[in-house]
Amino acid sequence: MSGALKIFRMHGADVKVDNPLGDWLESERRRAMKGYDPLKKGSAARGFTGSLTARISGIHLSVPKLRDVPGLSDEHLFRDDLQGSTKLPPILESIDRGEAINSPAELWVNHLGKTYISEGNHRVAAANMKGLGTVPVTIKYFNGGELAEGLFSPKALFSLYSIGLMWIG
């Protein structure tokens, strides 16, 4: 990966890696750690102040696996709230009409491998409530997050694919 942009397809997923590694990566990780406080809300506090270093798109992930992923701004604390949400009822109604969830949820993975749902908390909640097996997902890795161990690391994802817990397309 040293400095070269790599774009390829793996098992049908679009994968883009743009991570020069070395001193540059260490600098980005130090910058991300300056404001890191996982108890606070928002992207800066959760380690997303640096650069996007990789992206995987064109995949569908298991809804039960996504249910435990926190929202970037703590949306997971109220994502199932039918009374307080204006977003959830229309998604549930579209699923009832037989419409698929086409807009991918967006996961962000920081330099430590910690994953958050940045966009799509309500889509994941609706899919869970309606018993859907998978939803489309795009995963963005920041500051070398693609190199960190974790459930949503590229290595782990393609292992899940090989045993059927993830599908691509």
C-alpha atoms as a PDB file:
ATOM      1  CA  MET A   1       0.000   0.000   0.000  1.00  0.00           C
ATOM      2  CA  SER A   2       2.894   2.366   0.437  1.00  0.00           C
ATOM      3  CA  GLY A   3       1.606   5.564  -1.113  1.00  0.00           C
ATOM      4  CA  ALA A   4      -0.282   4.095  -4.051  1.00  0.00           C
ATOM      5  CA  LEU A   5      -4.024   4.324  -4.414  1.00  0.00           C
ATOM      6  CA  LYS A   6      -5.530   0.864  -4.802  1.00  0.00           C
ATOM      7  CA  ILE A   7      -9.019   0.278  -6.155  1.00  0.00           C
ATOM      8  CA  PHE A   8     -10.204  -3.271  -6.755  1.00  0.00           C
ATOM      9  CA  ARG A   9     -13.129  -5.645  -6.464  1.00  0.00           C
ATOM     10  CA  MET A  10     -13.041  -8.478  -3.976  1.00  0.00           C
ATOM     11  CA  HIS A  11     -15.832 -11.033  -3.993  1.00  0.00           C
ATOM     12  CA  GLY A  12     -17.839  -8.431  -5.951  1.00  0.00           C
ATOM     13  CA  ALA A  13     -17.384  -5.601  -3.423  1.00  0.00           C
ATOM     14  CA  ASP A  14     -15.770  -2.335  -4.427  1.00  0.00           C
ATOM     15  CA  VAL A  15     -12.700  -1.730  -2.279  1.00  0.00           C
ATOM     16  CA  LYS A  16     -10.639   1.457  -2.285  1.00  0.00           C
ATOM     17  CA  VAL A  17      -7.501   1.852  -0.168  1.00  0.00           C
ATOM     18  CA  ASP A  18      -5.536   5.096  -0.081  1.00  0.00           C
ATOM     19  CA  ASN A  19      -3.191   4.739   2.881  1.00  0.00           C
ATOM     20  CA  PRO A  20       0.468   5.781   2.522  1.00  0.00           C
ATOM     21  CA  LEU A  21       1.295   4.214   5.937  1.00  0.00           C
ATOM     22  CA  GLY A  22       4.517   5.167   7.767  1.00  0.00           C
ATOM     23  CA  ASP A  23       5.012   8.614   9.274  1.00  0.00           C
ATOM     24  CA  TRP A  24       1.941  10.013   7.542  1.00  0.00           C
ATOM     25  CA  LEU A  25      -0.334   7.409   9.142  1.00  0.00           C
ATOM     26  CA  GLU A  26       1.239   7.872  12.570  1.00  0.00           C
ATOM     27  CA  SER A  27       0.661  11.618  12.303  1.00  0.00           C
ATOM     28  CA  GLU A  28      -3.011  11.080  11.390  1.00  0.00           C
ATOM     29  CA  ARG A  29      -3.493   8.676  14.299  1.00  0.00           C
ATOM     30  CA  ARG A  30      -1.876  11.108  16.762  1.00  0.00           C
ATOM     31  CA  ARG A  31      -4.183  13.860  15.547  1.00  0.00           C
ATOM     32  CA  ALA A  32      -7.212  11.589  15.952  1.00  0.00           C
ATOM     33  CA  MET A  33      -6.166  10.679  19.505  1.00  0.00           C
ATOM     34  CA  LYS A  34      -5.877  14.336  20.608  1.00  0.00           C
ATOM     35  CA  GLY A  35      -9.625  14.818  20.841  1.00  0.00           C
ATOM     36  CA  TYR A  36     -10.559  11.175  21.336  1.00  0.00           C
ATOM     37  CA  ASP A  37     -13.142  10.631  24.055  1.00  0.00           C
ATOM     38  CA  PRO A  38     -15.527   7.762  23.330  1.00  0.00           C
ATOM     39  CA  LEU A  39     -17.866   8.973  26.082  1.00  0.00           C
ATOM     40  CA  LYS A  40     -18.629  12.132  24.105  1.00  0.00           C
ATOM     41  CA  LYS A  41     -20.841  12.380  21.019  1.00  0.00           C
ATOM     42  CA  GLY A  42     -19.751  13.295  17.534  1.00  0.00           C
ATOM     43  CA  SER A  43     -17.164  12.468  14.968  1.00  0.00           C
ATOM     44  CA  ALA A  44     -14.177  14.321  16.459  1.00  0.00           C
ATOM     45  CA  ALA A  45     -14.600  12.781  19.911  1.00  0.00           C
ATOM     46  CA  ARG A  46     -14.883   9.315  18.416  1.00  0.00           C
ATOM     47  CA  GLY A  47     -11.639   9.486  16.424  1.00  0.00           C
ATOM     48  CA  PHE A  48     -12.753  10.693  12.996  1.00  0.00           C
ATOM     49  CA  THR A  49     -10.699  13.890  12.677  1.00  0.00           C
ATOM     50  CA  GLY A  50      -8.171  12.529  10.197  1.00  0.00           C
ATOM     51  CA  SER A  51      -8.278  11.072   6.728  1.00  0.00           C
ATOM     52  CA  LEU A  52     -10.407   8.488   4.999  1.00  0.00           C
ATOM     53  CA  THR A  53      -7.941   5.697   4.201  1.00  0.00           C
ATOM     54  CA  ALA A  54     -10.210   2.947   2.841  1.00  0.00           C
ATOM     55  CA  ARG A  55     -13.763   2.221   1.778  1.00  0.00           C
ATOM     56  CA  ILE A  56     -15.769  -0.927   1.034  1.00  0.00           C
ATOM     57  CA  SER A  57     -19.080  -0.614  -0.790  1.00  0.00           C
ATOM     58  CA  GLY A  58     -21.528  -2.933  -2.514  1.00  0.00           C
ATOM     59  CA  ILE A  59     -22.010  -5.247   0.463  1.00  0.00           C
ATOM     60  CA  HIS A  60     -24.973  -6.367   2.559  1.00  0.00           C
ATOM     61  CA  LEU A  61     -24.428  -7.183   6.228  1.00  0.00           C
ATOM     62  CA  SER A  62     -26.439  -9.170   8.722  1.00  0.00           C
ATOM     63  CA  VAL A  63     -28.963  -7.004  10.590  1.00  0.00           C
ATOM     64  CA  PRO A  64     -28.316  -8.795  13.921  1.00  0.00           C
ATOM     65  CA  LYS A  65     -24.600  -7.921  13.571  1.00  0.00           C
ATOM     66  CA  LEU A  66     -25.481  -4.259  12.969  1.00  0.00           C
ATOM     67  CA  ARG A  67     -27.991  -3.964  15.838  1.00  0.00           C
ATOM     68  CA  ASP A  68     -25.202  -3.681  18.403  1.00  0.00           C
ATOM     69  CA  VAL A  69     -23.239  -1.020  16.515  1.00  0.00           C
ATOM     70  CA  PRO A  70     -23.665   2.352  18.247  1.00  0.00           C
ATOM     71  CA  GLY A  71     -24.738   5.463  16.393  1.00  0.00           C
ATOM     72  CA  LEU A  72     -22.047   8.084  15.896  1.00  0.00           C
ATOM     73  CA  SER A  73     -24.112  10.628  17.857  1.00  0.00           C
ATOM     74  CA  ASP A  74     -25.669   8.014  20.180  1.00  0.00           C
ATOM     75  CA  GLU A  75     -28.685   7.448  17.899  1.00  0.00           C
ATOM     76  CA  HIS A  76     -28.685   3.811  19.037  1.00  0.00           C
ATOM     77  CA  LEU A  77     -30.162   4.998  22.331  1.00  0.00           C
ATOM     78  CA  PHE A  78     -33.415   5.968  20.610  1.00  0.00           C
ATOM     79  CA  ARG A  79     -33.339   4.294  17.192  1.00  0.00           C
ATOM     80  CA  ASP A  80     -36.316   2.019  18.040  1.00  0.00           C
ATOM     81  CA  ASP A  81     -38.493   4.870  19.371  1.00  0.00           C
ATOM     82  CA  LEU A  82     -41.623   4.843  17.210  1.00  0.00           C
ATOM     83  CA  GLN A  83     -43.283   7.696  19.127  1.00  0.00           C
ATOM     84  CA  GLY A  84     -40.410  10.146  18.909  1.00  0.00           C
ATOM     85  CA  SER A  85     -39.225   9.380  15.392  1.00  0.00           C
ATOM     86  CA  THR A  86     -40.438  10.920  12.170  1.00  0.00           C
ATOM     87  CA  LYS A  87     -37.978   8.813  10.144  1.00  0.00           C
ATOM     88  CA  LEU A  88     -38.807   5.290  11.317  1.00  0.00           C
ATOM     89  CA  PRO A  89     -42.539   5.008  10.358  1.00  0.00           C
ATOM     90  CA  PRO A  90     -42.037   5.758   6.619  1.00  0.00           C
ATOM     91  CA  ILE A  91     -39.241   3.183   6.407  1.00  0.00           C
ATOM     92  CA  LEU A  92     -41.410   0.566   8.124  1.00  0.00           C
ATOM     93  CA  GLU A  93     -44.296   1.386   5.745  1.00  0.00           C
ATOM     94  CA  SER A  94     -42.069   1.023   2.675  1.00  0.00           C
ATOM     95  CA  ILE A  95     -40.887  -2.390   3.904  1.00  0.00           C
ATOM     96  CA  ASP A  96     -44.555  -3.382   4.414  1.00  0.00           C
ATOM     97  CA  ARG A  97     -45.192  -2.444   0.760  1.00  0.00           C
ATOM     98  CA  GLY A  98     -42.447  -4.875  -0.243  1.00  0.00           C
ATOM     99  CA  GLU A  99     -39.881  -2.217  -1.064  1.00  0.00           C
ATOM    100  CA  ALA A 100     -36.251  -3.020  -0.363  1.00  0.00           C
ATOM    101  CA  ILE A 101     -33.921  -0.822   1.642  1.00  0.00           C
ATOM    102  CA  ASN A 102     -31.705   0.400  -1.196  1.00  0.00           C
ATOM    103  CA  SER A 103     -29.833   3.278   0.403  1.00  0.00           C
ATOM    104  CA  PRO A 104     -26.819   1.834   2.241  1.00  0.00           C
ATOM    105  CA  ALA A 105     -26.212   2.427   5.903  1.00  0.00           C
ATOM    106  CA  GLU A 106     -22.807   3.995   6.424  1.00  0.00           C
ATOM    107  CA  LEU A 107     -20.414   2.550   8.988  1.00  0.00           C
ATOM    108  CA  TRP A 108     -17.345   4.479  10.094  1.00  0.00           C
ATOM    109  CA  VAL A 109     -14.375   2.600  11.568  1.00  0.00           C
ATOM    110  CA  ASN A 110     -11.778   4.616  13.471  1.00  0.00           C
ATOM    111  CA  HIS A 111      -8.044   3.974  13.861  1.00  0.00           C
ATOM    112  CA  LEU A 112      -8.708   1.739  16.876  1.00  0.00           C
ATOM    113  CA  GLY A 113     -11.174  -0.463  14.970  1.00  0.00           C
ATOM    114  CA  LYS A 114     -14.189   0.959  16.817  1.00  0.00           C
ATOM    115  CA  THR A 115     -17.226   1.098  14.531  1.00  0.00           C
ATOM    116  CA  TYR A 116     -20.200   3.471  14.520  1.00  0.00           C
ATOM    117  CA  ILE A 117     -23.245   3.854  12.284  1.00  0.00           C
ATOM    118  CA  SER A 118     -22.863   7.311  10.795  1.00  0.00           C
ATOM    119  CA  GLU A 119     -25.921   7.160   8.514  1.00  0.00           C
ATOM    120  CA  GLY A 120     -28.768   4.660   8.495  1.00  0.00           C
ATOM    121  CA  ASN A 121     -29.582   4.054  12.164  1.00  0.00           C
ATOM    122  CA  HIS A 122     -33.309   4.105  11.411  1.00  0.00           C
ATOM    123  CA  ARG A 123     -32.907   1.816   8.375  1.00  0.00           C
ATOM    124  CA  VAL A 124     -31.097  -0.728  10.550  1.00  0.00           C
ATOM    125  CA  ALA A 125     -33.792  -0.426  13.252  1.00  0.00           C
ATOM    126  CA  ALA A 126     -36.600  -0.861  10.697  1.00  0.00           C
ATOM    127  CA  ALA A 127     -34.871  -3.862   9.121  1.00  0.00           C
ATOM    128  CA  ASN A 128     -34.531  -5.394  12.578  1.00  0.00           C
ATOM    129  CA  MET A 129     -38.179  -4.732  13.492  1.00  0.00           C
ATOM    130  CA  LYS A 130     -39.356  -6.320  10.233  1.00  0.00           C
ATOM    131  CA  GLY A 131     -37.043  -9.309  10.496  1.00  0.00           C
ATOM    132  CA  LEU A 132     -34.970  -8.560   7.402  1.00  0.00           C
ATOM    133  CA  GLY A 133     -31.779 -10.581   7.211  1.00  0.00           C
ATOM    134  CA  THR A 134     -29.414  -8.025   5.682  1.00  0.00           C
ATOM    135  CA  VAL A 135     -29.138  -4.367   4.668  1.00  0.00           C
ATOM    136  CA  PRO A 136     -26.820  -2.644   2.194  1.00  0.00           C
ATOM    137  CA  VAL A 137     -23.778  -1.053   3.813  1.00  0.00           C
ATOM    138  CA  THR A 138     -20.824   1.142   2.904  1.00  0.00           C
ATOM    139  CA  ILE A 139     -17.908   1.047   5.330  1.00  0.00           C
ATOM    140  CA  LYS A 140     -15.470   3.948   5.624  1.00  0.00           C
ATOM    141  CA  TYR A 141     -12.170   3.508   7.441  1.00  0.00           C
ATOM    142  CA  PHE A 142     -10.381   6.493   8.950  1.00  0.00           C
ATOM    143  CA  ASN A 143      -6.734   6.887   9.896  1.00  0.00           C
ATOM    144  CA  GLY A 144      -5.832   3.296   9.068  1.00  0.00           C
ATOM    145  CA  GLY A 145      -8.963   1.764  10.620  1.00  0.00           C
ATOM    146  CA  GLU A 146      -8.812  -0.908   7.919  1.00  0.00           C
ATOM    147  CA  LEU A 147      -5.636  -2.212   9.584  1.00  0.00           C
ATOM    148  CA  ALA A 148      -7.179  -2.520  13.066  1.00  0.00           C
ATOM    149  CA  GLU A 149      -8.660  -5.765  14.349  1.00  0.00           C
ATOM    150  CA  GLY A 150     -12.413  -5.761  14.708  1.00  0.00           C
ATOM    151  CA  LEU A 151     -15.707  -7.203  13.536  1.00  0.00           C
ATOM    152  CA  PHE A 152     -15.798  -4.873  10.537  1.00  0.00           C
ATOM    153  CA  SER A 153     -12.145  -5.082   9.476  1.00  0.00           C
ATOM    154  CA  PRO A 154     -11.752  -6.104   5.828  1.00  0.00           C
ATOM    155  CA  LYS A 155     -10.158  -9.365   6.942  1.00  0.00           C
ATOM    156  CA  ALA A 156     -13.089 -10.194   9.237  1.00  0.00           C
ATOM    157  CA  LEU A 157     -15.680  -9.167   6.643  1.00  0.00           C
ATOM    158  CA  PHE A 158     -14.317 -11.387   3.917  1.00  0.00           C
ATOM    159  CA  SER A 159     -14.107 -14.268   6.419  1.00  0.00           C
ATOM    160  CA  LEU A 160     -17.822 -13.694   7.151  1.00  0.00           C
ATOM    161  CA  TYR A 161     -18.484 -13.715   3.415  1.00  0.00           C
ATOM    162  CA  SER A 162     -16.795 -17.061   3.001  1.00  0.00           C
ATOM    163  CA  ILE A 163     -19.074 -18.635   5.647  1.00  0.00           C
ATOM    164  CA  GLY A 164     -22.249 -16.928   4.398  1.00  0.00           C
ATOM    165  CA  LEU A 165     -22.905 -14.248   7.054  1.00  0.00           C
ATOM    166  CA  MET A 166     -22.363 -11.428   4.582  1.00  0.00           C
ATOM    167  CA  TRP A 167     -23.315 -11.145   0.954  1.00  0.00           C
ATOM    168  CA  ILE A 168     -22.183  -8.802  -1.724  1.00  0.00           C
ATOM    169  CA  GLY A 169     -24.107  -7.287  -4.580  1.00  0.00           C
END
